[in-house]
Amino acid sequence: MAQYNIKLVKSLIGAKKDQIATADSLGLRKIGDSTVQPDNAQTKGKIKKINHLIEVTEA
């Protein structure tokens, strides 16, 4: 199964509360944090919600 490598590249300061919660649910708390997530509908929705704050590559 495919996976995504997600890295937080912009600060969460000034982001909406739901965007901060989405980043937290992905395990992203500080700039530079990265995580590997499965390729499924839930992950794609989270990526779409905070795509201006993250960098996504296929793992």
Protein backbone atom coordinates (compact mmCIF):
# COMPACT_ATOMS: atom_id res chain seq x y z
CA MET A 1 0.00 0.00 0.00
CA ALA A 2 1.23 3.50 -0.84
CA GLN A 3 2.21 5.92 1.90
CA TYR A 4 2.81 9.65 2.16
CA ASN A 5 5.73 11.37 3.84
CA ILE A 6 4.32 14.62 5.26
CA LYS A 7 6.55 17.44 6.57
CA LEU A 8 5.43 20.64 8.30
CA VAL A 9 7.20 23.54 6.54
CA LYS A 10 5.26 26.57 7.78
CA SER A 11 4.36 27.70 11.27
CA LEU A 12 0.99 26.96 12.83
CA ILE A 13 0.94 30.43 14.43
CA GLY A 14 -2.02 32.29 12.97
CA ALA A 15 -3.63 29.13 11.59
CA LYS A 16 -7.25 28.36 12.38
CA LYS A 17 -7.98 26.06 15.30
CA ASP A 18 -9.25 23.28 13.06
CA GLN A 19 -6.06 23.43 10.96
CA ILE A 20 -3.92 23.20 14.10
CA ALA A 21 -5.99 20.22 15.25
CA THR A 22 -5.53 18.56 11.85
CA ALA A 23 -1.75 19.02 11.99
CA ASP A 24 -1.74 17.65 15.54
CA SER A 25 -3.73 14.59 14.45
CA LEU A 26 -1.04 13.91 11.84
CA GLY A 27 1.64 14.21 14.54
CA LEU A 28 3.00 17.55 13.29
CA ARG A 29 3.69 20.03 16.07
CA LYS A 30 6.85 21.96 15.15
CA ILE A 31 8.32 23.15 11.86
CA GLY A 32 10.43 20.34 10.44
CA ASP A 33 8.39 17.53 11.99
CA SER A 34 7.60 14.76 9.54
CA THR A 35 5.45 11.66 9.58
CA VAL A 36 4.55 8.76 7.33
CA GLN A 37 0.83 8.22 6.82
CA PRO A 38 -1.12 5.64 4.78
CA ASP A 39 -2.72 6.56 1.46
CA ASN A 40 -6.42 6.57 2.34
CA ALA A 41 -9.40 8.93 2.22
CA GLN A 42 -8.86 10.27 5.75
CA THR A 43 -5.24 11.19 5.10
CA LYS A 44 -6.08 12.82 1.77
CA GLY A 45 -8.71 14.98 3.48
CA LYS A 46 -6.23 16.08 6.15
CA ILE A 47 -3.63 16.90 3.50
CA LYS A 48 -6.16 18.96 1.56
CA LYS A 49 -7.12 20.93 4.68
CA ILE A 50 -3.56 22.04 5.52
CA ASN A 51 -1.83 21.77 2.13
CA HIS A 52 -0.50 25.36 2.42
CA LEU A 53 1.44 24.43 5.57
CA ILE A 54 2.94 21.07 4.58
CA GLU A 55 5.10 19.38 1.96
CA VAL A 56 3.96 15.95 0.78
CA THR A 57 6.01 13.26 -0.98
CA GLU A 58 5.30 9.61 -1.61
CA ALA A 59 7.22 7.33 0.73
